[in-house]
Amino acid sequence: MDNINNMIQEQAGYLVNGEGIKYLIKHSCTCCPDHNKYLEITPFEPKNVSSVSLDICVGRYVWEFKDKDVPFFDSKEHSIKQFLDEYTHKYDLVKDLDGRLIIHKDQFLLLEVLEEIHFNRHVSGHVLGKSSIGRLGLIIQTASIINPMHMQKLILEIKNISPITLIFHYGTPIAQIQFFYFPNPVRKHYQVYGIFK
């Protein structure tokens, strides 16, 4: 039993508070030659750091399904990536929509966040909605676990379940991330196991 407890403690991750997030951004480790900066966030706004999370903001690109053109999705016949490439339309919020993210009743969209966040092998993340925005009826979800060594912009899945149209603007907070620190670098990281298909 002691061996199990020791192994779990050695592999455990710890929730990082606001000051810890700032520390991870400023510092690097010496044991990860492939990416030694603990955490890189671009752009980074200190005001978006709360006691235990970082607000992430409405980014530039949004995708919606081409309703009339989408037949069905069958996991035996389709790759998710190819299906989305073929049956969604991409909009540029800045050029096409005057910087406004307009979400109508019952509408489902994919939204890229503004921040580009790079994790090294010691850090993972968990995406959460914001309660204030949830009270308006906006449901936010992504593959909520962000694995160490994730290097891509996050895409949120969002749906308006309220009876009203919701409008958010480019660059405004819409969700949040909590970060977890692992004293021992994680071996099964995103670059090996997290390829989107």
Protein backbone atom coordinates (compact mmCIF):
# COMPACT_ATOMS: atom_id res chain seq x y z
CA MET A 1 0.00 0.00 0.00
CA ASP A 2 2.86 2.38 0.82
CA ASN A 3 4.33 1.78 -2.65
CA ILE A 4 1.01 2.76 -4.28
CA ASN A 5 0.73 5.89 -2.12
CA ASN A 6 4.31 6.87 -2.93
CA MET A 7 3.78 6.31 -6.66
CA ILE A 8 0.59 8.40 -6.67
CA GLN A 9 2.26 11.20 -4.72
CA GLU A 10 5.23 11.20 -7.10
CA GLN A 11 2.92 11.50 -10.12
CA ALA A 12 0.42 13.95 -8.59
CA GLY A 13 -0.32 17.38 -10.02
CA TYR A 14 -1.13 20.48 -7.99
CA LEU A 15 -3.62 23.26 -8.69
CA VAL A 16 -1.73 26.52 -9.35
CA ASN A 17 -3.00 29.77 -7.84
CA GLY A 18 -2.84 33.18 -9.51
CA GLU A 19 0.66 34.01 -8.30
CA GLY A 20 1.78 30.56 -9.37
CA ILE A 21 0.48 31.19 -12.90
CA LYS A 22 2.60 34.35 -13.10
CA TYR A 23 5.61 32.42 -11.77
CA LEU A 24 5.25 29.68 -14.42
CA ILE A 25 5.14 32.31 -17.17
CA LYS A 26 8.38 33.93 -15.96
CA HIS A 27 10.42 30.80 -15.31
CA SER A 28 11.83 27.76 -17.13
CA CYS A 29 12.80 24.28 -16.04
CA THR A 30 16.15 22.60 -16.71
CA CYS A 31 14.92 19.07 -17.40
CA CYS A 32 12.80 19.52 -20.55
CA PRO A 33 15.06 20.14 -23.55
CA ASP A 34 12.19 20.13 -26.06
CA HIS A 35 10.31 23.01 -24.40
CA ASN A 36 11.70 24.32 -21.14
CA LYS A 37 9.46 27.38 -20.59
CA TYR A 38 6.80 26.20 -18.13
CA LEU A 39 4.02 28.27 -19.65
CA GLU A 40 3.81 30.77 -22.50
CA ILE A 41 0.67 32.88 -22.99
CA THR A 42 0.37 35.36 -25.88
CA PRO A 43 -1.10 37.89 -25.41
CA PHE A 44 -0.90 37.86 -21.63
CA GLU A 45 -3.00 40.28 -19.57
CA PRO A 46 -2.22 40.20 -15.82
CA LYS A 47 -5.72 41.54 -15.12
CA ASN A 48 -7.14 38.25 -16.47
CA VAL A 49 -5.47 36.25 -13.68
CA SER A 50 -7.79 35.50 -10.76
CA SER A 51 -7.09 33.68 -7.50
CA VAL A 52 -6.91 30.24 -9.16
CA SER A 53 -7.50 30.69 -12.91
CA LEU A 54 -6.83 32.69 -16.07
CA ASP A 55 -9.63 34.21 -18.14
CA ILE A 56 -9.43 33.39 -21.85
CA CYS A 57 -11.02 35.67 -24.42
CA VAL A 58 -13.04 35.68 -27.62
CA GLY A 59 -10.61 35.11 -30.48
CA ARG A 60 -10.71 35.99 -34.13
CA TYR A 61 -12.25 32.93 -35.78
CA VAL A 62 -15.57 31.16 -35.44
CA TRP A 63 -17.04 28.19 -37.30
CA GLU A 64 -20.65 27.19 -37.85
CA PHE A 65 -22.18 24.19 -39.58
CA LYS A 66 -23.54 24.64 -43.10
CA ASP A 67 -26.95 23.35 -42.01
CA LYS A 68 -28.38 22.47 -45.41
CA ASP A 69 -25.24 20.74 -46.58
CA VAL A 70 -24.59 18.49 -43.57
CA PRO A 71 -25.97 14.99 -44.14
CA PHE A 72 -24.91 13.08 -41.02
CA PHE A 73 -21.78 12.09 -39.16
CA ASP A 74 -20.81 8.42 -38.90
CA SER A 75 -17.64 7.64 -36.95
CA LYS A 76 -16.98 4.57 -39.14
CA GLU A 77 -17.16 6.63 -42.33
CA HIS A 78 -15.80 10.04 -41.37
CA SER A 79 -12.72 11.54 -39.79
CA ILE A 80 -13.87 14.29 -37.41
CA LYS A 81 -11.28 16.74 -38.73
CA GLN A 82 -12.15 16.13 -42.39
CA PHE A 83 -15.89 16.31 -41.61
CA LEU A 84 -15.53 19.67 -39.89
CA ASP A 85 -13.31 21.00 -42.67
CA GLU A 86 -15.95 20.10 -45.23
CA TYR A 87 -19.17 20.96 -43.43
CA THR A 88 -18.39 24.10 -41.42
CA HIS A 89 -17.95 27.69 -42.59
CA LYS A 90 -15.17 29.79 -41.03
CA TYR A 91 -15.76 33.47 -40.24
CA ASP A 92 -13.26 36.14 -39.28
CA LEU A 93 -14.85 38.14 -36.44
CA VAL A 94 -12.75 41.21 -37.19
CA LYS A 95 -13.17 41.31 -40.99
CA ASP A 96 -16.56 39.65 -41.46
CA LEU A 97 -18.55 40.41 -38.31
CA ASP A 98 -17.37 43.81 -37.08
CA GLY A 99 -15.65 42.22 -34.09
CA ARG A 100 -18.92 40.81 -32.74
CA LEU A 101 -19.63 37.20 -31.84
CA ILE A 102 -23.39 36.88 -32.31
CA ILE A 103 -24.92 33.67 -30.95
CA HIS A 104 -28.60 33.14 -31.64
CA LYS A 105 -31.00 30.98 -29.64
CA ASP A 106 -30.09 27.25 -29.93
CA GLN A 107 -27.07 28.06 -32.12
CA PHE A 108 -23.94 25.92 -31.84
CA LEU A 109 -20.54 27.35 -32.82
CA LEU A 110 -16.85 26.56 -32.60
CA LEU A 111 -14.78 29.49 -31.31
CA GLU A 112 -11.03 30.00 -31.32
CA VAL A 113 -9.75 31.78 -28.21
CA LEU A 114 -7.54 34.85 -28.43
CA GLU A 115 -4.63 33.52 -26.38
CA GLU A 116 -2.05 31.13 -27.72
CA ILE A 117 -0.93 29.02 -24.77
CA HIS A 118 2.08 26.69 -24.79
CA PHE A 119 2.47 24.12 -22.02
CA ASN A 120 5.63 22.23 -21.19
CA ARG A 121 5.77 18.70 -19.72
CA HIS A 122 5.19 19.94 -16.16
CA VAL A 123 1.93 21.82 -16.77
CA SER A 124 -1.59 20.82 -17.80
CA GLY A 125 -4.84 22.79 -17.89
CA HIS A 126 -8.58 22.45 -17.40
CA VAL A 127 -11.01 24.69 -19.29
CA LEU A 128 -14.09 25.88 -17.41
CA GLY A 129 -16.98 28.16 -18.17
CA LYS A 130 -17.53 31.41 -16.26
CA SER A 131 -20.55 31.34 -13.98
CA SER A 132 -21.57 34.89 -14.92
CA ILE A 133 -21.70 33.98 -18.60
CA GLY A 134 -23.36 30.63 -17.85
CA ARG A 135 -26.22 32.53 -16.22
CA LEU A 136 -26.92 34.15 -19.58
CA GLY A 137 -27.47 30.67 -21.04
CA LEU A 138 -24.18 30.17 -22.86
CA ILE A 139 -22.80 26.67 -22.48
CA ILE A 140 -19.05 26.40 -23.07
CA GLN A 141 -17.17 23.17 -23.51
CA THR A 142 -13.97 21.98 -25.06
CA ALA A 143 -11.99 18.81 -24.67
CA SER A 144 -11.64 20.31 -21.21
CA ILE A 145 -8.37 18.61 -20.24
CA ILE A 146 -5.36 20.28 -21.85
CA ASN A 147 -2.42 17.89 -21.86
CA PRO A 148 1.20 18.88 -21.21
CA MET A 149 3.02 20.00 -24.38
CA HIS A 150 -0.17 21.35 -25.96
CA MET A 151 1.00 24.05 -28.42
CA GLN A 152 -2.13 25.04 -30.37
CA LYS A 153 -4.83 27.65 -29.90
CA LEU A 154 -7.82 26.26 -28.04
CA ILE A 155 -11.15 25.82 -29.78
CA LEU A 156 -14.26 26.09 -27.60
CA GLU A 157 -17.57 24.44 -28.40
CA ILE A 158 -20.32 26.90 -27.45
CA LYS A 159 -24.12 26.74 -27.51
CA ASN A 160 -26.73 29.34 -26.60
CA ILE A 161 -29.54 27.64 -24.67
CA SER A 162 -31.19 30.90 -23.60
CA PRO A 163 -34.25 32.43 -25.37
CA ILE A 164 -32.27 35.55 -26.33
CA THR A 165 -29.47 36.41 -28.75
CA LEU A 166 -26.10 36.85 -27.03
CA ILE A 167 -23.39 39.18 -28.33
CA PHE A 168 -19.78 39.09 -27.17
CA HIS A 169 -16.95 41.17 -28.56
CA TYR A 170 -13.51 40.26 -29.83
CA GLY A 171 -11.01 40.21 -26.96
CA THR A 172 -13.51 39.96 -24.08
CA PRO A 173 -13.29 37.11 -21.51
CA ILE A 174 -15.57 34.16 -22.22
CA ALA A 175 -14.08 31.18 -20.32
CA GLN A 176 -11.27 30.36 -17.92
CA ILE A 177 -8.41 27.89 -17.46
CA GLN A 178 -7.10 26.34 -14.28
CA PHE A 179 -3.49 25.12 -14.40
CA PHE A 180 -1.93 22.10 -12.73
CA TYR A 181 1.78 21.68 -12.02
CA PHE A 182 3.52 18.27 -11.97
CA PRO A 183 6.89 18.16 -10.17
CA ASN A 184 7.87 15.23 -12.39
CA PRO A 185 7.49 15.92 -16.14
CA VAL A 186 4.65 14.00 -17.78
CA ARG A 187 5.82 11.41 -20.33
CA LYS A 188 2.52 10.80 -22.16
CA HIS A 189 2.19 14.34 -23.47
CA TYR A 190 0.09 15.94 -26.24
CA GLN A 191 2.69 15.80 -29.00
CA VAL A 192 2.67 12.01 -28.79
CA TYR A 193 -0.92 11.15 -27.83
CA GLY A 194 -3.02 14.20 -28.64
CA ILE A 195 -3.15 14.35 -32.43
CA PHE A 196 -6.59 15.56 -33.60
CA LYS A 197 -8.15 13.22 -36.20
